[in-house]
Amino acid sequence: MKWLFTAIAVATLATCCAGQTPDFRKTTWGMTKAQVLATEPLKPVIRDDEAGLTVVAYKSVTVAGMTGNLVYIFAEDKLVRAKYMFEEEHSNKTDHITDYETLDDTLGEKYGKPSSTTGS
């Protein structure tokens, strides 16, 4: 009987999570580092920082026609934050505003508009 309960619990968990919509790229908040690494085909750069966080970065990721870095941040082996970092060069510095607007529109369409924004 105990194995039946375990089998039902595992089947239920697999069913509820199998259809779960990703929060960012192919990941959901709370995934382990190993689970996130399995979603990305590129080779990562992994480092632990002084605050006890693990940072996993991927170089040369393209989003909305711009190439930059993809960063995942883990606390206690759980995904807690993710971001793109771009360093596009422009002769006209106001073109960075156009880049921001393009990314904001593209990511907003894919993930929904944020409830708030910060500068980090």
N, C-alpha and C. Protein backbone atom coordinates (compact mmCIF):
# COMPACT_ATOMS: atom_id res chain seq x y z
N MET A 1 0.82 -1.19 0.00
CA MET A 1 0.00 0.00 0.00
C MET A 1 0.87 1.26 0.00
N LYS A 2 1.99 1.19 0.73
CA LYS A 2 2.87 2.35 0.81
C LYS A 2 3.43 2.70 -0.57
N TRP A 3 3.80 1.69 -1.35
CA TRP A 3 4.35 1.94 -2.69
C TRP A 3 3.30 2.56 -3.60
N LEU A 4 2.03 2.19 -3.40
CA LEU A 4 0.95 2.75 -4.21
C LEU A 4 0.80 4.24 -3.95
N PHE A 5 0.85 4.64 -2.67
CA PHE A 5 0.78 6.05 -2.32
C PHE A 5 1.95 6.80 -2.94
N THR A 6 3.15 6.23 -2.87
CA THR A 6 4.34 6.86 -3.46
C THR A 6 4.17 6.99 -4.96
N ALA A 7 3.68 5.95 -5.61
CA ALA A 7 3.48 5.99 -7.06
C ALA A 7 2.46 7.05 -7.44
N ILE A 8 1.38 7.16 -6.67
CA ILE A 8 0.36 8.17 -6.96
C ILE A 8 0.93 9.57 -6.74
N ALA A 9 1.68 9.75 -5.67
CA ALA A 9 2.28 11.05 -5.38
C ALA A 9 3.25 11.45 -6.48
N VAL A 10 4.07 10.52 -6.94
CA VAL A 10 5.03 10.81 -8.01
C VAL A 10 4.29 11.12 -9.31
N ALA A 11 3.26 10.35 -9.62
CA ALA A 11 2.48 10.58 -10.84
C ALA A 11 1.79 11.94 -10.78
N THR A 12 1.26 12.29 -9.63
CA THR A 12 0.60 13.58 -9.47
C THR A 12 1.60 14.71 -9.63
N LEU A 13 2.75 14.58 -9.00
CA LEU A 13 3.79 15.60 -9.10
C LEU A 13 4.25 15.74 -10.55
N ALA A 14 4.47 14.64 -11.23
CA ALA A 14 4.90 14.68 -12.63
C ALA A 14 3.84 15.34 -13.51
N THR A 15 2.58 15.04 -13.24
CA THR A 15 1.50 15.61 -14.03
C THR A 15 1.38 17.12 -13.82
N CYS A 16 1.44 17.55 -12.56
CA CYS A 16 1.26 18.98 -12.31
C CYS A 16 2.44 19.79 -12.81
N CYS A 17 3.62 19.23 -12.76
CA CYS A 17 4.81 19.99 -13.16
C CYS A 17 5.10 19.86 -14.65
N ALA A 18 4.63 18.79 -15.29
CA ALA A 18 4.92 18.58 -16.70
C ALA A 18 4.33 19.69 -17.55
N GLY A 19 3.17 20.18 -17.20
CA GLY A 19 2.53 21.22 -17.98
C GLY A 19 2.81 22.62 -17.47
N GLN A 20 3.69 22.73 -16.48
CA GLN A 20 3.96 24.03 -15.89
C GLN A 20 4.64 24.96 -16.90
N THR A 21 4.18 26.18 -16.96
CA THR A 21 4.75 27.16 -17.85
C THR A 21 6.07 27.67 -17.27
N PRO A 22 7.13 27.70 -18.06
CA PRO A 22 8.41 28.20 -17.54
C PRO A 22 8.32 29.66 -17.12
N ASP A 23 9.09 30.01 -16.09
CA ASP A 23 9.16 31.40 -15.64
C ASP A 23 10.15 32.21 -16.46
N PHE A 24 11.27 31.59 -16.86
CA PHE A 24 12.32 32.26 -17.61
C PHE A 24 13.02 31.23 -18.48
N ARG A 25 13.01 31.47 -19.77
CA ARG A 25 13.53 30.51 -20.75
C ARG A 25 12.84 29.17 -20.53
N LYS A 26 13.58 28.12 -20.21
CA LYS A 26 12.95 26.82 -19.97
C LYS A 26 13.00 26.44 -18.48
N THR A 27 13.10 27.44 -17.61
CA THR A 27 13.26 27.18 -16.19
C THR A 27 12.09 27.73 -15.38
N THR A 28 11.97 27.24 -14.17
CA THR A 28 11.01 27.78 -13.21
C THR A 28 11.76 28.09 -11.92
N TRP A 29 11.28 29.09 -11.21
CA TRP A 29 11.92 29.48 -9.96
C TRP A 29 11.93 28.30 -9.00
N GLY A 30 13.07 28.10 -8.33
CA GLY A 30 13.20 27.01 -7.38
C GLY A 30 13.87 25.77 -7.94
N MET A 31 14.09 25.73 -9.27
CA MET A 31 14.79 24.58 -9.85
C MET A 31 16.20 24.50 -9.28
N THR A 32 16.76 23.29 -9.25
CA THR A 32 18.14 23.13 -8.80
C THR A 32 19.09 23.53 -9.91
N LYS A 33 20.35 23.72 -9.55
CA LYS A 33 21.37 24.07 -10.54
C LYS A 33 21.46 22.98 -11.60
N ALA A 34 21.43 21.72 -11.20
CA ALA A 34 21.51 20.61 -12.16
C ALA A 34 20.34 20.64 -13.14
N GLN A 35 19.15 20.95 -12.65
CA GLN A 35 17.98 21.01 -13.53
C GLN A 35 18.12 22.15 -14.54
N VAL A 36 18.59 23.30 -14.08
CA VAL A 36 18.76 24.45 -14.98
C VAL A 36 19.85 24.15 -16.01
N LEU A 37 20.96 23.58 -15.57
CA LEU A 37 22.04 23.24 -16.50
C LEU A 37 21.55 22.31 -17.60
N ALA A 38 20.62 21.43 -17.28
CA ALA A 38 20.08 20.50 -18.28
C ALA A 38 19.23 21.20 -19.33
N THR A 39 18.78 22.43 -19.06
CA THR A 39 17.92 23.13 -20.02
C THR A 39 18.70 23.94 -21.04
N GLU A 40 19.98 24.18 -20.80
CA GLU A 40 20.78 25.03 -21.67
C GLU A 40 21.82 24.21 -22.44
N PRO A 41 21.88 24.37 -23.76
CA PRO A 41 22.83 23.60 -24.56
C PRO A 41 24.26 24.13 -24.53
N LEU A 42 24.46 25.37 -24.11
CA LEU A 42 25.79 25.97 -24.11
C LEU A 42 26.61 25.55 -22.90
N LYS A 43 27.92 25.77 -22.97
CA LYS A 43 28.81 25.47 -21.85
C LYS A 43 28.80 26.66 -20.89
N PRO A 44 28.50 26.41 -19.60
CA PRO A 44 28.41 27.52 -18.65
C PRO A 44 29.74 27.85 -17.97
N VAL A 45 29.78 29.05 -17.41
CA VAL A 45 30.85 29.45 -16.49
C VAL A 45 30.16 29.50 -15.13
N ILE A 46 30.69 28.73 -14.16
CA ILE A 46 30.06 28.62 -12.85
C ILE A 46 31.01 29.16 -11.79
N ARG A 47 30.47 30.00 -10.90
CA ARG A 47 31.28 30.47 -9.78
C ARG A 47 30.41 30.69 -8.56
N ASP A 48 31.02 30.50 -7.41
CA ASP A 48 30.35 30.79 -6.15
C ASP A 48 30.83 32.15 -5.69
N ASP A 49 29.92 32.99 -5.22
CA ASP A 49 30.34 34.32 -4.78
C ASP A 49 30.42 34.39 -3.26
N GLU A 50 30.89 35.52 -2.79
CA GLU A 50 31.14 35.69 -1.36
C GLU A 50 29.87 35.71 -0.51
N ALA A 51 28.73 35.92 -1.11
CA ALA A 51 27.48 35.95 -0.36
C ALA A 51 26.84 34.57 -0.24
N GLY A 52 27.52 33.54 -0.73
CA GLY A 52 26.97 32.19 -0.66
C GLY A 52 26.07 31.84 -1.82
N LEU A 53 26.03 32.68 -2.82
CA LEU A 53 25.22 32.42 -4.01
C LEU A 53 26.07 31.73 -5.07
N THR A 54 25.44 30.95 -5.91
CA THR A 54 26.12 30.35 -7.06
C THR A 54 25.62 31.06 -8.31
N VAL A 55 26.56 31.46 -9.15
CA VAL A 55 26.24 32.16 -10.39
C VAL A 55 26.63 31.27 -11.56
N VAL A 56 25.69 31.06 -12.45
CA VAL A 56 25.93 30.28 -13.67
C VAL A 56 25.70 31.22 -14.83
N ALA A 57 26.73 31.40 -15.66
CA ALA A 57 26.63 32.35 -16.77
C ALA A 57 26.91 31.66 -18.10
N TYR A 58 26.23 32.13 -19.11
CA TYR A 58 26.42 31.66 -20.48
C TYR A 58 26.75 32.87 -21.33
N LYS A 59 27.77 32.74 -22.18
CA LYS A 59 28.18 33.83 -23.06
C LYS A 59 27.56 33.64 -24.44
N SER A 60 27.42 34.74 -25.14
CA SER A 60 26.94 34.74 -26.53
C SER A 60 25.54 34.17 -26.70
N VAL A 61 24.61 34.65 -25.91
CA VAL A 61 23.21 34.28 -26.04
C VAL A 61 22.52 35.40 -26.80
N THR A 62 21.71 35.05 -27.80
CA THR A 62 21.05 36.06 -28.62
C THR A 62 19.58 36.17 -28.25
N VAL A 63 19.14 37.41 -28.00
CA VAL A 63 17.75 37.71 -27.69
C VAL A 63 17.38 38.97 -28.46
N ALA A 64 16.29 38.93 -29.17
CA ALA A 64 15.80 40.09 -29.94
C ALA A 64 16.88 40.67 -30.84
N GLY A 65 17.70 39.80 -31.43
CA GLY A 65 18.74 40.25 -32.34
C GLY A 65 19.99 40.80 -31.68
N MET A 66 20.04 40.79 -30.35
CA MET A 66 21.20 41.29 -29.61
C MET A 66 21.89 40.13 -28.91
N THR A 67 23.21 40.18 -28.87
CA THR A 67 23.97 39.13 -28.24
C THR A 67 24.53 39.62 -26.91
N GLY A 68 24.38 38.79 -25.91
CA GLY A 68 24.87 39.15 -24.57
C GLY A 68 25.08 37.91 -23.73
N ASN A 69 25.06 38.09 -22.44
CA ASN A 69 25.26 37.00 -21.50
C ASN A 69 23.96 36.67 -20.78
N LEU A 70 23.80 35.42 -20.45
CA LEU A 70 22.66 34.93 -19.69
C LEU A 70 23.20 34.53 -18.32
N VAL A 71 22.54 34.97 -17.26
CA VAL A 71 23.01 34.70 -15.90
C VAL A 71 21.87 34.11 -15.07
N TYR A 72 22.17 32.98 -14.42
CA TYR A 72 21.26 32.38 -13.46
C TYR A 72 21.90 32.50 -12.08
N ILE A 73 21.12 32.81 -11.06
CA ILE A 73 21.64 32.95 -9.70
C ILE A 73 20.87 32.00 -8.78
N PHE A 74 21.64 31.24 -7.98
CA PHE A 74 21.07 30.23 -7.10
C PHE A 74 21.41 30.54 -5.65
N ALA A 75 20.45 30.33 -4.76
CA ALA A 75 20.67 30.40 -3.32
C ALA A 75 20.25 29.04 -2.77
N GLU A 76 21.15 28.43 -2.04
CA GLU A 76 20.88 27.09 -1.48
C GLU A 76 20.42 26.12 -2.56
N ASP A 77 21.09 26.16 -3.72
CA ASP A 77 20.84 25.29 -4.87
C ASP A 77 19.44 25.44 -5.45
N LYS A 78 18.83 26.59 -5.28
CA LYS A 78 17.52 26.88 -5.87
C LYS A 78 17.62 28.13 -6.73
N LEU A 79 17.03 28.08 -7.93
CA LEU A 79 17.04 29.23 -8.82
C LEU A 79 16.20 30.36 -8.22
N VAL A 80 16.86 31.51 -7.99
CA VAL A 80 16.15 32.64 -7.38
C VAL A 80 16.14 33.88 -8.27
N ARG A 81 17.01 33.91 -9.29
CA ARG A 81 17.07 35.09 -10.14
C ARG A 81 17.73 34.71 -11.47
N ALA A 82 17.34 35.41 -12.52
CA ALA A 82 17.95 35.20 -13.83
C ALA A 82 17.89 36.51 -14.59
N LYS A 83 18.87 36.73 -15.45
CA LYS A 83 18.88 37.98 -16.21
C LYS A 83 19.75 37.85 -17.45
N TYR A 84 19.48 38.75 -18.38
CA TYR A 84 20.32 38.93 -19.55
C TYR A 84 21.17 40.17 -19.31
N MET A 85 22.40 40.13 -19.80
CA MET A 85 23.29 41.30 -19.71
C MET A 85 23.85 41.56 -21.11
N PHE A 86 23.62 42.76 -21.62
CA PHE A 86 24.06 43.13 -22.96
C PHE A 86 25.07 44.25 -22.88
N GLU A 87 26.03 44.23 -23.80
CA GLU A 87 27.04 45.29 -23.88
C GLU A 87 27.18 45.75 -25.32
N GLU A 88 26.06 46.07 -25.92
CA GLU A 88 26.07 46.54 -27.31
C GLU A 88 26.83 47.86 -27.42
N GLU A 89 27.60 47.99 -28.48
CA GLU A 89 28.32 49.23 -28.76
C GLU A 89 27.52 50.04 -29.79
N HIS A 90 27.35 51.32 -29.52
CA HIS A 90 26.65 52.21 -30.44
C HIS A 90 27.41 53.52 -30.56
N SER A 91 27.50 54.03 -31.78
CA SER A 91 28.11 55.35 -31.94
C SER A 91 27.16 56.43 -31.43
N ASN A 92 25.87 56.21 -31.59
CA ASN A 92 24.86 57.12 -31.06
C ASN A 92 24.36 56.52 -29.74
N LYS A 93 24.72 57.12 -28.63
CA LYS A 93 24.40 56.56 -27.31
C LYS A 93 22.91 56.43 -27.04
N THR A 94 22.08 57.20 -27.73
CA THR A 94 20.64 57.07 -27.52
C THR A 94 20.08 55.77 -28.11
N ASP A 95 20.89 55.08 -28.94
CA ASP A 95 20.45 53.79 -29.48
C ASP A 95 20.27 52.75 -28.36
N HIS A 96 20.89 52.98 -27.20
CA HIS A 96 20.70 52.08 -26.07
C HIS A 96 19.25 52.12 -25.59
N ILE A 97 18.62 53.25 -25.74
CA ILE A 97 17.21 53.37 -25.36
C ILE A 97 16.36 52.50 -26.28
N THR A 98 16.67 52.51 -27.57
CA THR A 98 15.97 51.67 -28.53
C THR A 98 16.18 50.20 -28.19
N ASP A 99 17.41 49.83 -27.82
CA ASP A 99 17.70 48.45 -27.40
C ASP A 99 16.82 48.06 -26.22
N TYR A 100 16.76 48.94 -25.23
CA TYR A 100 15.95 48.67 -24.04
C TYR A 100 14.49 48.47 -24.42
N GLU A 101 13.97 49.36 -25.24
CA GLU A 101 12.56 49.26 -25.63
C GLU A 101 12.28 47.97 -26.40
N THR A 102 13.21 47.59 -27.29
CA THR A 102 13.07 46.34 -28.04
C THR A 102 13.06 45.14 -27.11
N LEU A 103 14.01 45.11 -26.17
CA LEU A 103 14.06 44.00 -25.22
C LEU A 103 12.83 43.99 -24.31
N ASP A 104 12.42 45.16 -23.86
CA ASP A 104 11.25 45.26 -22.99
C ASP A 104 10.02 44.70 -23.70
N ASP A 105 9.83 45.07 -24.96
CA ASP A 105 8.69 44.56 -25.74
C ASP A 105 8.79 43.06 -25.96
N THR A 106 9.97 42.59 -26.38
CA THR A 106 10.16 41.17 -26.68
C THR A 106 9.96 40.31 -25.45
N LEU A 107 10.60 40.69 -24.34
CA LEU A 107 10.49 39.89 -23.12
C LEU A 107 9.09 40.03 -22.50
N GLY A 108 8.49 41.20 -22.63
CA GLY A 108 7.14 41.40 -22.13
C GLY A 108 6.12 40.53 -22.85
N GLU A 109 6.29 40.37 -24.16
CA GLU A 109 5.40 39.51 -24.94
C GLU A 109 5.57 38.05 -24.53
N LYS A 110 6.80 37.65 -24.26
CA LYS A 110 7.09 36.26 -23.93
C LYS A 110 6.70 35.90 -22.50
N TYR A 111 7.04 36.78 -21.54
CA TYR A 111 6.85 36.45 -20.13
C TYR A 111 5.78 37.27 -19.42
N GLY A 112 5.27 38.29 -20.07
CA GLY A 112 4.33 39.20 -19.42
C GLY A 112 5.07 40.40 -18.87
N LYS A 113 4.35 41.46 -18.69
CA LYS A 113 4.97 42.69 -18.18
C LYS A 113 5.30 42.53 -16.70
N PRO A 114 6.42 43.09 -16.26
CA PRO A 114 6.78 42.97 -14.84
C PRO A 114 5.86 43.81 -13.96
N SER A 115 5.71 43.35 -12.72
CA SER A 115 4.91 44.11 -11.77
C SER A 115 5.67 45.32 -11.26
N SER A 116 7.00 45.23 -11.32
CA SER A 116 7.85 46.39 -10.96
C SER A 116 9.19 46.20 -11.66
N THR A 117 9.97 47.27 -11.73
CA THR A 117 11.29 47.20 -12.34
C THR A 117 12.31 47.83 -11.41
N THR A 118 13.56 47.34 -11.52
CA THR A 118 14.66 47.92 -10.75
C THR A 118 15.83 48.12 -11.69
N GLY A 119 16.82 48.81 -11.22
CA GLY A 119 17.99 49.08 -12.05
C GLY A 119 19.06 48.01 -11.99
N SER A 120 18.81 46.88 -11.32
CA SER A 120 19.87 45.88 -11.22
C SER A 120 19.60 44.67 -12.07
